[in-house]
Amino acid sequence: MQHIQLVGLAVIIAILIGVPVGIYLTTNEEVAEAVLQVAAIIMTIPSIALFGIMIPILSVIGQGIGFLPALIALILYSQLPIIRNTYVAINNVDPNMRDAAKGIGMTTWQRLKKVELPIAVPVIMAGVRTAIVLSIGIGAIAAFIGAGGLGVIIDQGISRTNRDMMLVGAISVSVLAIVVDTVLGLVQRWLTPKGIS
């Protein structure tokens, strides 16, 4: 439950940040390139190093270890797939569809809500699914900074040289990732308009 809570909250916040940012980037190519490069650089930082960087920064507010640094790290790691997929999905909407929407008098907001986002849903959801699976895996490492979750079982198995505990922890993380990805696949199919699927 700790693992699900940590990953779930991180991905919800990441979606609330990443999808609007991805949509905005379709209106500004220069900013898009810079933001995507920064998100890609963050993705290359090893998770244990990112946790280490955050310890002194968040120690100022008394949150150097535990839930908060793990949450922030997972939000940062989730940004690249969500922002990039949203950006690519909206950019790849057929220009003829946009022209048709303009032609019938839709505002920019109506066009986004009724035409572009429904067409972009499968690609955006693919990014969300990638972010969640990634976060479930990285969330296991968060146990090393006191964030709890399934990584605790793996950590205890390593410290006790207990292979069974390590396997139980690793398999639990894998099964959780597979189950969540499968459920999100069904949600993706449900959200995708019939004409697109």
N, C-alpha and C. Protein backbone atom coordinates (compact mmCIF):
# COMPACT_ATOMS: atom_id res chain seq x y z
N MET A 1 0.82 -1.22 0.00
CA MET A 1 0.00 0.00 0.00
C MET A 1 0.86 1.27 0.00
N GLN A 2 1.98 1.24 0.73
CA GLN A 2 2.90 2.39 0.72
C GLN A 2 3.42 2.65 -0.69
N HIS A 3 3.77 1.57 -1.36
CA HIS A 3 4.32 1.67 -2.72
C HIS A 3 3.27 2.25 -3.68
N ILE A 4 2.06 1.74 -3.60
CA ILE A 4 0.98 2.21 -4.47
C ILE A 4 0.66 3.68 -4.17
N GLN A 5 0.65 4.04 -2.89
CA GLN A 5 0.37 5.43 -2.50
C GLN A 5 1.43 6.37 -3.06
N LEU A 6 2.70 6.01 -2.90
CA LEU A 6 3.81 6.84 -3.37
C LEU A 6 3.76 7.02 -4.89
N VAL A 7 3.68 5.90 -5.61
CA VAL A 7 3.69 5.94 -7.07
C VAL A 7 2.42 6.61 -7.60
N GLY A 8 1.27 6.27 -7.01
CA GLY A 8 0.00 6.83 -7.47
C GLY A 8 -0.03 8.34 -7.34
N LEU A 9 0.38 8.85 -6.18
CA LEU A 9 0.38 10.30 -5.96
C LEU A 9 1.37 10.99 -6.90
N ALA A 10 2.56 10.39 -7.05
CA ALA A 10 3.59 10.98 -7.93
C ALA A 10 3.09 11.07 -9.36
N VAL A 11 2.46 10.01 -9.86
CA VAL A 11 2.02 10.00 -11.26
C VAL A 11 0.84 10.93 -11.47
N ILE A 12 -0.07 11.01 -10.50
CA ILE A 12 -1.20 11.96 -10.63
C ILE A 12 -0.67 13.39 -10.74
N ILE A 13 0.27 13.75 -9.86
CA ILE A 13 0.86 15.09 -9.92
C ILE A 13 1.61 15.29 -11.23
N ALA A 14 2.35 14.25 -11.66
CA ALA A 14 3.11 14.33 -12.91
C ALA A 14 2.18 14.54 -14.11
N ILE A 15 1.02 13.89 -14.11
CA ILE A 15 0.04 14.07 -15.19
C ILE A 15 -0.51 15.50 -15.17
N LEU A 16 -0.84 15.99 -13.96
CA LEU A 16 -1.38 17.34 -13.83
C LEU A 16 -0.38 18.41 -14.29
N ILE A 17 0.92 18.10 -14.18
CA ILE A 17 1.96 19.02 -14.66
C ILE A 17 2.28 18.75 -16.13
N GLY A 18 2.53 17.48 -16.45
CA GLY A 18 3.07 17.10 -17.76
C GLY A 18 2.14 17.29 -18.94
N VAL A 19 0.86 16.95 -18.78
CA VAL A 19 -0.07 17.08 -19.91
C VAL A 19 -0.27 18.54 -20.30
N PRO A 20 -0.57 19.46 -19.36
CA PRO A 20 -0.67 20.87 -19.76
C PRO A 20 0.63 21.42 -20.35
N VAL A 21 1.78 21.02 -19.78
CA VAL A 21 3.06 21.48 -20.33
C VAL A 21 3.24 20.97 -21.75
N GLY A 22 2.93 19.69 -21.98
CA GLY A 22 3.03 19.12 -23.33
C GLY A 22 2.14 19.83 -24.32
N ILE A 23 0.92 20.18 -23.88
CA ILE A 23 0.00 20.91 -24.76
C ILE A 23 0.55 22.31 -25.06
N TYR A 24 1.07 22.98 -24.02
CA TYR A 24 1.62 24.33 -24.22
C TYR A 24 2.81 24.29 -25.20
N LEU A 25 3.65 23.27 -25.09
CA LEU A 25 4.85 23.20 -25.93
C LEU A 25 4.52 23.12 -27.41
N THR A 26 3.32 22.66 -27.75
CA THR A 26 2.94 22.59 -29.17
C THR A 26 2.78 23.98 -29.76
N THR A 27 2.69 25.00 -28.90
CA THR A 27 2.54 26.37 -29.38
C THR A 27 3.86 27.13 -29.43
N ASN A 28 4.94 26.52 -28.91
CA ASN A 28 6.24 27.21 -28.85
C ASN A 28 7.37 26.20 -29.06
N GLU A 29 7.85 26.09 -30.28
CA GLU A 29 8.85 25.07 -30.64
C GLU A 29 10.18 25.27 -29.91
N GLU A 30 10.61 26.52 -29.73
CA GLU A 30 11.90 26.78 -29.08
C GLU A 30 11.88 26.33 -27.62
N VAL A 31 10.81 26.68 -26.93
CA VAL A 31 10.67 26.27 -25.53
C VAL A 31 10.53 24.75 -25.46
N ALA A 32 9.82 24.16 -26.42
CA ALA A 32 9.62 22.71 -26.45
C ALA A 32 10.94 21.96 -26.47
N GLU A 33 11.84 22.40 -27.32
CA GLU A 33 13.14 21.73 -27.43
C GLU A 33 13.91 21.80 -26.11
N ALA A 34 13.90 22.98 -25.48
CA ALA A 34 14.62 23.16 -24.21
C ALA A 34 14.01 22.31 -23.10
N VAL A 35 12.67 22.33 -22.98
CA VAL A 35 12.00 21.58 -21.91
C VAL A 35 12.23 20.08 -22.09
N LEU A 36 12.12 19.58 -23.32
CA LEU A 36 12.32 18.15 -23.56
C LEU A 36 13.76 17.73 -23.28
N GLN A 37 14.71 18.62 -23.57
CA GLN A 37 16.11 18.30 -23.26
C GLN A 37 16.35 18.25 -21.76
N VAL A 38 15.76 19.19 -21.02
CA VAL A 38 15.91 19.19 -19.56
C VAL A 38 15.28 17.93 -18.97
N ALA A 39 14.08 17.57 -19.45
CA ALA A 39 13.42 16.35 -18.97
C ALA A 39 14.25 15.11 -19.28
N ALA A 40 14.89 15.09 -20.45
CA ALA A 40 15.74 13.95 -20.83
C ALA A 40 16.99 13.88 -19.94
N ILE A 41 17.55 15.04 -19.61
CA ILE A 41 18.73 15.07 -18.72
C ILE A 41 18.37 14.54 -17.34
N ILE A 42 17.22 14.96 -16.82
CA ILE A 42 16.77 14.48 -15.50
C ILE A 42 16.64 12.95 -15.52
N MET A 43 16.13 12.43 -16.64
CA MET A 43 15.91 10.99 -16.77
C MET A 43 17.23 10.20 -16.72
N THR A 44 18.35 10.85 -17.13
CA THR A 44 19.64 10.14 -17.16
C THR A 44 20.32 10.12 -15.79
N ILE A 45 19.84 10.94 -14.83
CA ILE A 45 20.46 10.95 -13.50
C ILE A 45 20.07 9.67 -12.77
N PRO A 46 21.04 8.90 -12.28
CA PRO A 46 20.69 7.68 -11.52
C PRO A 46 19.80 8.04 -10.34
N SER A 47 18.79 7.20 -10.08
CA SER A 47 17.80 7.52 -9.05
C SER A 47 18.43 7.70 -7.67
N ILE A 48 19.39 6.85 -7.33
CA ILE A 48 20.00 6.95 -6.00
C ILE A 48 20.76 8.27 -5.87
N ALA A 49 21.34 8.74 -7.00
CA ALA A 49 22.05 10.03 -6.99
C ALA A 49 21.06 11.18 -6.82
N LEU A 50 19.91 11.08 -7.50
CA LEU A 50 18.90 12.14 -7.38
C LEU A 50 18.37 12.21 -5.95
N PHE A 51 18.15 11.05 -5.33
CA PHE A 51 17.73 11.04 -3.92
C PHE A 51 18.81 11.71 -3.06
N GLY A 52 20.08 11.40 -3.36
CA GLY A 52 21.20 11.98 -2.61
C GLY A 52 21.28 13.48 -2.76
N ILE A 53 21.00 13.98 -3.97
CA ILE A 53 21.02 15.43 -4.22
C ILE A 53 19.93 16.12 -3.40
N MET A 54 18.78 15.46 -3.28
CA MET A 54 17.64 16.09 -2.61
C MET A 54 17.75 16.09 -1.09
N ILE A 55 18.54 15.19 -0.54
CA ILE A 55 18.64 15.11 0.93
C ILE A 55 19.08 16.45 1.54
N PRO A 56 20.22 17.05 1.10
CA PRO A 56 20.60 18.33 1.72
C PRO A 56 19.63 19.48 1.39
N ILE A 57 19.05 19.44 0.19
CA ILE A 57 18.13 20.51 -0.21
C ILE A 57 16.88 20.49 0.66
N LEU A 58 16.28 19.30 0.82
CA LEU A 58 15.03 19.19 1.59
C LEU A 58 15.26 19.13 3.09
N SER A 59 16.53 18.94 3.51
CA SER A 59 16.84 18.97 4.95
C SER A 59 16.58 20.33 5.55
N VAL A 60 16.62 21.37 4.71
CA VAL A 60 16.36 22.74 5.15
C VAL A 60 14.96 22.84 5.77
N ILE A 61 14.00 22.05 5.22
CA ILE A 61 12.63 22.08 5.76
C ILE A 61 12.34 20.82 6.60
N GLY A 62 13.41 20.10 6.95
CA GLY A 62 13.26 18.91 7.79
C GLY A 62 12.68 17.70 7.10
N GLN A 63 12.81 17.65 5.76
CA GLN A 63 12.26 16.52 4.99
C GLN A 63 13.33 15.86 4.12
N GLY A 64 14.56 15.78 4.62
CA GLY A 64 15.68 15.28 3.83
C GLY A 64 15.54 13.84 3.40
N ILE A 65 14.93 13.02 4.25
CA ILE A 65 14.69 11.62 3.87
C ILE A 65 13.21 11.32 4.07
N GLY A 66 12.77 10.22 3.46
CA GLY A 66 11.38 9.81 3.63
C GLY A 66 10.55 10.01 2.38
N PHE A 67 9.26 10.28 2.60
CA PHE A 67 8.27 10.29 1.52
C PHE A 67 8.48 11.42 0.52
N LEU A 68 8.73 12.65 1.01
CA LEU A 68 8.77 13.83 0.13
C LEU A 68 9.87 13.77 -0.94
N PRO A 69 11.14 13.47 -0.58
CA PRO A 69 12.14 13.40 -1.65
C PRO A 69 11.85 12.30 -2.67
N ALA A 70 11.30 11.19 -2.20
CA ALA A 70 10.94 10.11 -3.12
C ALA A 70 9.83 10.56 -4.06
N LEU A 71 8.84 11.27 -3.51
CA LEU A 71 7.72 11.77 -4.32
C LEU A 71 8.22 12.74 -5.39
N ILE A 72 9.08 13.68 -5.00
CA ILE A 72 9.61 14.66 -5.96
C ILE A 72 10.42 13.96 -7.05
N ALA A 73 11.25 13.00 -6.66
CA ALA A 73 12.06 12.27 -7.65
C ALA A 73 11.18 11.54 -8.65
N LEU A 74 10.13 10.88 -8.18
CA LEU A 74 9.25 10.14 -9.09
C LEU A 74 8.48 11.09 -10.02
N ILE A 75 8.10 12.25 -9.50
CA ILE A 75 7.44 13.25 -10.35
C ILE A 75 8.38 13.69 -11.46
N LEU A 76 9.64 13.96 -11.10
CA LEU A 76 10.64 14.39 -12.10
C LEU A 76 10.89 13.31 -13.14
N TYR A 77 11.03 12.06 -12.71
CA TYR A 77 11.28 10.96 -13.65
C TYR A 77 10.09 10.71 -14.57
N SER A 78 8.88 11.02 -14.10
CA SER A 78 7.67 10.77 -14.90
C SER A 78 7.44 11.83 -15.98
N GLN A 79 8.12 12.97 -15.87
CA GLN A 79 7.83 14.08 -16.77
C GLN A 79 8.16 13.78 -18.23
N LEU A 80 9.31 13.17 -18.51
CA LEU A 80 9.72 12.98 -19.91
C LEU A 80 8.70 12.19 -20.72
N PRO A 81 8.31 10.98 -20.30
CA PRO A 81 7.34 10.25 -21.14
C PRO A 81 5.99 10.95 -21.27
N ILE A 82 5.54 11.62 -20.21
CA ILE A 82 4.22 12.27 -20.26
C ILE A 82 4.28 13.52 -21.14
N ILE A 83 5.28 14.39 -20.91
CA ILE A 83 5.38 15.61 -21.71
C ILE A 83 5.64 15.28 -23.18
N ARG A 84 6.59 14.38 -23.43
CA ARG A 84 6.96 14.08 -24.82
C ARG A 84 5.78 13.45 -25.58
N ASN A 85 5.11 12.50 -24.96
CA ASN A 85 3.99 11.85 -25.65
C ASN A 85 2.84 12.81 -25.90
N THR A 86 2.57 13.70 -24.92
CA THR A 86 1.50 14.70 -25.11
C THR A 86 1.87 15.63 -26.26
N TYR A 87 3.10 16.10 -26.24
CA TYR A 87 3.59 17.02 -27.28
C TYR A 87 3.51 16.38 -28.66
N VAL A 88 4.01 15.15 -28.78
CA VAL A 88 4.00 14.45 -30.07
C VAL A 88 2.56 14.17 -30.51
N ALA A 89 1.71 13.74 -29.58
CA ALA A 89 0.33 13.39 -29.92
C ALA A 89 -0.45 14.59 -30.45
N ILE A 90 -0.33 15.72 -29.77
CA ILE A 90 -1.07 16.93 -30.20
C ILE A 90 -0.49 17.45 -31.52
N ASN A 91 0.83 17.41 -31.65
CA ASN A 91 1.49 17.89 -32.87
C ASN A 91 1.11 17.06 -34.09
N ASN A 92 0.84 15.78 -33.88
CA ASN A 92 0.57 14.87 -34.99
C ASN A 92 -0.91 14.76 -35.37
N VAL A 93 -1.75 15.57 -34.73
CA VAL A 93 -3.17 15.60 -35.14
C VAL A 93 -3.23 16.12 -36.58
N ASP A 94 -4.01 15.47 -37.40
CA ASP A 94 -4.13 15.84 -38.82
C ASP A 94 -4.54 17.31 -38.95
N PRO A 95 -3.74 18.12 -39.66
CA PRO A 95 -4.08 19.55 -39.84
C PRO A 95 -5.47 19.75 -40.46
N ASN A 96 -5.91 18.80 -41.30
CA ASN A 96 -7.24 18.90 -41.90
C ASN A 96 -8.34 18.85 -40.84
N MET A 97 -8.08 18.07 -39.78
CA MET A 97 -9.05 17.99 -38.67
C MET A 97 -9.13 19.35 -37.96
N ARG A 98 -7.96 19.97 -37.75
CA ARG A 98 -7.94 21.30 -37.11
C ARG A 98 -8.68 22.31 -37.99
N ASP A 99 -8.40 22.27 -39.29
CA ASP A 99 -9.04 23.21 -40.22
C ASP A 99 -10.56 23.03 -40.22
N ALA A 100 -10.99 21.77 -40.18
CA ALA A 100 -12.44 21.50 -40.16
C ALA A 100 -13.07 22.05 -38.88
N ALA A 101 -12.35 21.88 -37.74
CA ALA A 101 -12.86 22.40 -36.47
C ALA A 101 -12.94 23.92 -36.49
N LYS A 102 -11.90 24.56 -37.07
CA LYS A 102 -11.94 26.02 -37.21
C LYS A 102 -13.08 26.44 -38.11
N GLY A 103 -13.28 25.67 -39.17
CA GLY A 103 -14.30 25.99 -40.16
C GLY A 103 -15.71 25.99 -39.60
N ILE A 104 -15.95 25.15 -38.60
CA ILE A 104 -17.31 25.13 -38.01
C ILE A 104 -17.41 26.08 -36.81
N GLY A 105 -16.36 26.90 -36.62
CA GLY A 105 -16.41 27.97 -35.62
C GLY A 105 -15.98 27.60 -34.22
N MET A 106 -15.22 26.51 -34.06
CA MET A 106 -14.76 26.13 -32.72
C MET A 106 -13.65 27.09 -32.25
N THR A 107 -13.68 27.40 -30.96
CA THR A 107 -12.60 28.18 -30.37
C THR A 107 -11.39 27.26 -30.17
N THR A 108 -10.25 27.84 -29.80
CA THR A 108 -9.04 27.04 -29.57
C THR A 108 -9.29 26.00 -28.47
N TRP A 109 -9.95 26.43 -27.38
CA TRP A 109 -10.26 25.52 -26.26
C TRP A 109 -11.19 24.39 -26.70
N GLN A 110 -12.24 24.72 -27.46
CA GLN A 110 -13.17 23.70 -27.94
C GLN A 110 -12.47 22.71 -28.87
N ARG A 111 -11.59 23.24 -29.72
CA ARG A 111 -10.86 22.39 -30.66
C ARG A 111 -9.95 21.41 -29.90
N LEU A 112 -9.30 21.93 -28.85
CA LEU A 112 -8.42 21.09 -28.03
C LEU A 112 -9.23 20.00 -27.32
N LYS A 113 -10.35 20.41 -26.72
CA LYS A 113 -11.16 19.49 -25.91
C LYS A 113 -11.91 18.46 -26.75
N LYS A 114 -12.48 18.88 -27.88
CA LYS A 114 -13.36 18.00 -28.64
C LYS A 114 -12.70 17.31 -29.83
N VAL A 115 -11.55 17.83 -30.28
CA VAL A 115 -10.91 17.24 -31.46
C VAL A 115 -9.52 16.70 -31.14
N GLU A 116 -8.63 17.58 -30.66
CA GLU A 116 -7.22 17.20 -30.52
C GLU A 116 -6.97 16.19 -29.40
N LEU A 117 -7.51 16.47 -28.19
CA LEU A 117 -7.26 15.54 -27.08
C LEU A 117 -7.86 14.15 -27.31
N PRO A 118 -9.11 14.05 -27.80
CA PRO A 118 -9.63 12.68 -28.06
C PRO A 118 -8.77 11.90 -29.06
N ILE A 119 -8.25 12.58 -30.08
CA ILE A 119 -7.39 11.90 -31.06
C ILE A 119 -6.05 11.53 -30.43
N ALA A 120 -5.56 12.39 -29.51
CA ALA A 120 -4.24 12.19 -28.90
C ALA A 120 -4.25 11.21 -27.73
N VAL A 121 -5.42 10.83 -27.23
CA VAL A 121 -5.52 9.99 -26.03
C VAL A 121 -4.65 8.73 -26.07
N PRO A 122 -4.66 7.93 -27.15
CA PRO A 122 -3.85 6.71 -27.11
C PRO A 122 -2.36 6.97 -26.88
N VAL A 123 -1.82 8.00 -27.51
CA VAL A 123 -0.39 8.29 -27.37
C VAL A 123 -0.09 8.88 -25.99
N ILE A 124 -0.97 9.76 -25.50
CA ILE A 124 -0.78 10.32 -24.16
C ILE A 124 -0.84 9.21 -23.11
N MET A 125 -1.80 8.31 -23.24
CA MET A 125 -1.93 7.19 -22.29
C MET A 125 -0.72 6.27 -22.34
N ALA A 126 -0.14 6.10 -23.52
CA ALA A 126 1.08 5.28 -23.63
C ALA A 126 2.20 5.91 -22.79
N GLY A 127 2.29 7.25 -22.81
CA GLY A 127 3.28 7.94 -21.99
C GLY A 127 3.00 7.78 -20.52
N VAL A 128 1.74 7.86 -20.14
CA VAL A 128 1.35 7.69 -18.73
C VAL A 128 1.68 6.27 -18.26
N ARG A 129 1.39 5.29 -19.11
CA ARG A 129 1.69 3.90 -18.75
C ARG A 129 3.20 3.69 -18.56
N THR A 130 3.99 4.28 -19.45
CA THR A 130 5.45 4.18 -19.33
C THR A 130 5.91 4.83 -18.02
N ALA A 131 5.35 6.00 -17.72
CA ALA A 131 5.73 6.72 -16.49
C ALA A 131 5.39 5.91 -15.25
N ILE A 132 4.24 5.25 -15.25
CA ILE A 132 3.83 4.48 -14.06
C ILE A 132 4.71 3.25 -13.87
N VAL A 133 4.98 2.54 -14.94
CA VAL A 133 5.84 1.34 -14.83
C VAL A 133 7.23 1.75 -14.37
N LEU A 134 7.75 2.84 -14.92
CA LEU A 134 9.05 3.37 -14.53
C LEU A 134 9.05 3.75 -13.04
N SER A 135 8.00 4.42 -12.60
CA SER A 135 7.91 4.87 -11.21
C SER A 135 7.79 3.71 -10.24
N ILE A 136 7.10 2.65 -10.65
CA ILE A 136 6.98 1.48 -9.77
C ILE A 136 8.37 0.87 -9.54
N GLY A 137 9.16 0.81 -10.60
CA GLY A 137 10.52 0.27 -10.47
C GLY A 137 11.42 1.17 -9.64
N ILE A 138 11.42 2.46 -9.94
CA ILE A 138 12.28 3.41 -9.21
C ILE A 138 11.80 3.57 -7.77
N GLY A 139 10.49 3.43 -7.55
CA GLY A 139 9.93 3.54 -6.21
C GLY A 139 10.52 2.52 -5.24
N ALA A 140 10.97 1.39 -5.78
CA ALA A 140 11.59 0.36 -4.92
C ALA A 140 12.90 0.87 -4.33
N ILE A 141 13.62 1.71 -5.08
CA ILE A 141 14.89 2.25 -4.60
C ILE A 141 14.66 3.30 -3.51
N ALA A 142 13.45 3.88 -3.51
CA ALA A 142 13.13 4.92 -2.51
C ALA A 142 13.17 4.38 -1.08
N ALA A 143 13.13 3.07 -0.93
CA ALA A 143 13.23 2.48 0.42
C ALA A 143 14.56 2.83 1.07
N PHE A 144 15.60 3.06 0.26
CA PHE A 144 16.93 3.36 0.80
C PHE A 144 17.00 4.75 1.44
N ILE A 145 15.99 5.61 1.19
CA ILE A 145 15.96 6.91 1.86
C ILE A 145 14.75 6.99 2.81
N GLY A 146 14.25 5.83 3.20
CA GLY A 146 13.21 5.77 4.22
C GLY A 146 11.81 6.08 3.74
N ALA A 147 11.54 5.87 2.43
CA ALA A 147 10.20 6.16 1.90
C ALA A 147 9.25 4.97 2.01
N GLY A 148 9.76 3.81 2.44
CA GLY A 148 8.91 2.63 2.57
C GLY A 148 8.64 1.98 1.23
N GLY A 149 7.60 1.16 1.18
CA GLY A 149 7.24 0.48 -0.05
C GLY A 149 7.88 -0.89 -0.17
N LEU A 150 7.73 -1.49 -1.34
CA LEU A 150 8.22 -2.85 -1.57
C LEU A 150 9.74 -2.95 -1.56
N GLY A 151 10.40 -1.82 -1.76
CA GLY A 151 11.87 -1.82 -1.71
C GLY A 151 12.40 -2.20 -0.34
N VAL A 152 11.60 -2.02 0.71
CA VAL A 152 12.02 -2.38 2.08
C VAL A 152 12.31 -3.88 2.16
N ILE A 153 11.45 -4.67 1.52
CA ILE A 153 11.65 -6.14 1.53
C ILE A 153 12.95 -6.49 0.82
N ILE A 154 13.20 -5.84 -0.32
CA ILE A 154 14.45 -6.09 -1.06
C ILE A 154 15.65 -5.68 -0.22
N ASP A 155 15.56 -4.50 0.40
CA ASP A 155 16.66 -3.99 1.24
C ASP A 155 16.94 -4.93 2.41
N GLN A 156 15.87 -5.40 3.06
CA GLN A 156 16.06 -6.33 4.18
C GLN A 156 16.67 -7.65 3.70
N GLY A 157 16.24 -8.09 2.52
CA GLY A 157 16.81 -9.31 1.96
C GLY A 157 18.29 -9.18 1.68
N ILE A 158 18.70 -8.00 1.17
CA ILE A 158 20.13 -7.77 0.90
C ILE A 158 20.92 -7.73 2.19
N SER A 159 20.42 -6.98 3.19
CA SER A 159 21.16 -6.83 4.45
C SER A 159 21.25 -8.15 5.23
N ARG A 160 20.27 -9.03 5.02
CA ARG A 160 20.28 -10.33 5.73
C ARG A 160 20.81 -11.45 4.85
N THR A 161 21.24 -11.10 3.66
CA THR A 161 21.63 -12.09 2.62
C THR A 161 20.59 -13.21 2.51
N ASN A 162 19.33 -12.77 2.44
CA ASN A 162 18.20 -13.69 2.33
C ASN A 162 17.66 -13.61 0.91
N ARG A 163 18.00 -14.61 0.09
CA ARG A 163 17.61 -14.60 -1.31
C ARG A 163 16.09 -14.62 -1.49
N ASP A 164 15.40 -15.35 -0.62
CA ASP A 164 13.94 -15.45 -0.74
C ASP A 164 13.26 -14.10 -0.55
N MET A 165 13.73 -13.32 0.41
CA MET A 165 13.16 -11.98 0.65
C MET A 165 13.40 -11.08 -0.57
N MET A 166 14.62 -11.15 -1.11
CA MET A 166 14.93 -10.34 -2.30
C MET A 166 14.02 -10.72 -3.46
N LEU A 167 13.81 -12.02 -3.65
CA LEU A 167 12.95 -12.48 -4.74
C LEU A 167 11.50 -12.06 -4.55
N VAL A 168 11.02 -12.18 -3.30
CA VAL A 168 9.63 -11.77 -3.01
C VAL A 168 9.45 -10.29 -3.32
N GLY A 169 10.40 -9.46 -2.90
CA GLY A 169 10.32 -8.02 -3.16
C GLY A 169 10.36 -7.71 -4.66
N ALA A 170 11.31 -8.33 -5.35
CA ALA A 170 11.47 -8.09 -6.79
C ALA A 170 10.25 -8.56 -7.58
N ILE A 171 9.75 -9.75 -7.25
CA ILE A 171 8.58 -10.29 -7.96
C ILE A 171 7.35 -9.44 -7.66
N SER A 172 7.21 -8.98 -6.42
CA SER A 172 6.07 -8.11 -6.06
C SER A 172 6.07 -6.83 -6.88
N VAL A 173 7.26 -6.22 -7.05
CA VAL A 173 7.38 -5.00 -7.85
C VAL A 173 6.97 -5.30 -9.30
N SER A 174 7.46 -6.42 -9.84
CA SER A 174 7.16 -6.79 -11.22
C SER A 174 5.67 -7.06 -11.43
N VAL A 175 5.08 -7.81 -10.50
CA VAL A 175 3.65 -8.14 -10.61
C VAL A 175 2.81 -6.87 -10.52
N LEU A 176 3.17 -5.97 -9.60
CA LEU A 176 2.45 -4.70 -9.47
C LEU A 176 2.51 -3.91 -10.77
N ALA A 177 3.71 -3.85 -11.37
CA ALA A 177 3.88 -3.12 -12.63
C ALA A 177 3.03 -3.73 -13.75
N ILE A 178 3.01 -5.05 -13.84
CA ILE A 178 2.24 -5.74 -14.89
C ILE A 178 0.74 -5.51 -14.70
N VAL A 179 0.27 -5.63 -13.46
CA VAL A 179 -1.16 -5.46 -13.17
C VAL A 179 -1.60 -4.02 -13.48
N VAL A 180 -0.82 -3.04 -13.01
CA VAL A 180 -1.18 -1.63 -13.24
C VAL A 180 -1.16 -1.32 -14.73
N ASP A 181 -0.15 -1.81 -15.45
CA ASP A 181 -0.06 -1.56 -16.89
C ASP A 181 -1.25 -2.18 -17.63
N THR A 182 -1.66 -3.37 -17.22
CA THR A 182 -2.81 -4.04 -17.84
C THR A 182 -4.10 -3.25 -17.59
N VAL A 183 -4.29 -2.80 -16.35
CA VAL A 183 -5.48 -2.01 -16.02
C VAL A 183 -5.50 -0.71 -16.82
N LEU A 184 -4.35 -0.06 -16.91
CA LEU A 184 -4.27 1.19 -17.68
C LEU A 184 -4.48 0.96 -19.17
N GLY A 185 -4.09 -0.22 -19.66
CA GLY A 185 -4.36 -0.57 -21.05
C GLY A 185 -5.86 -0.63 -21.31
N LEU A 186 -6.61 -1.17 -20.35
CA LEU A 186 -8.07 -1.23 -20.48
C LEU A 186 -8.67 0.18 -20.41
N VAL A 187 -8.12 1.02 -19.51
CA VAL A 187 -8.59 2.41 -19.40
C VAL A 187 -8.30 3.15 -20.71
N GLN A 188 -7.12 2.90 -21.27
CA GLN A 188 -6.75 3.54 -22.55
C GLN A 188 -7.74 3.16 -23.65
N ARG A 189 -8.08 1.88 -23.71
CA ARG A 189 -9.03 1.41 -24.72
C ARG A 189 -10.41 2.04 -24.51
N TRP A 190 -10.80 2.21 -23.24
CA TRP A 190 -12.10 2.80 -22.91
C TRP A 190 -12.14 4.29 -23.28
N LEU A 191 -11.01 5.00 -23.04
CA LEU A 191 -10.96 6.43 -23.32
C LEU A 191 -10.79 6.77 -24.80
N THR A 192 -10.27 5.81 -25.58
CA THR A 192 -10.02 6.07 -26.99
C THR A 192 -11.34 6.06 -27.76
N PRO A 193 -11.63 7.13 -28.50
CA PRO A 193 -12.88 7.16 -29.29
C PRO A 193 -12.95 5.99 -30.28
N LYS A 194 -14.13 5.46 -30.50
CA LYS A 194 -14.30 4.27 -31.33
C LYS A 194 -13.74 4.45 -32.74
N GLY A 195 -13.89 5.63 -33.30
CA GLY A 195 -13.41 5.87 -34.67
C GLY A 195 -11.91 5.81 -34.79
N ILE A 196 -11.18 6.00 -33.68
CA ILE A 196 -9.72 6.00 -33.70
C ILE A 196 -9.16 4.60 -33.46
N SER A 197 -9.79 3.88 -32.54
CA SER A 197 -9.31 2.53 -32.21
C SER A 197 -9.57 1.58 -33.36
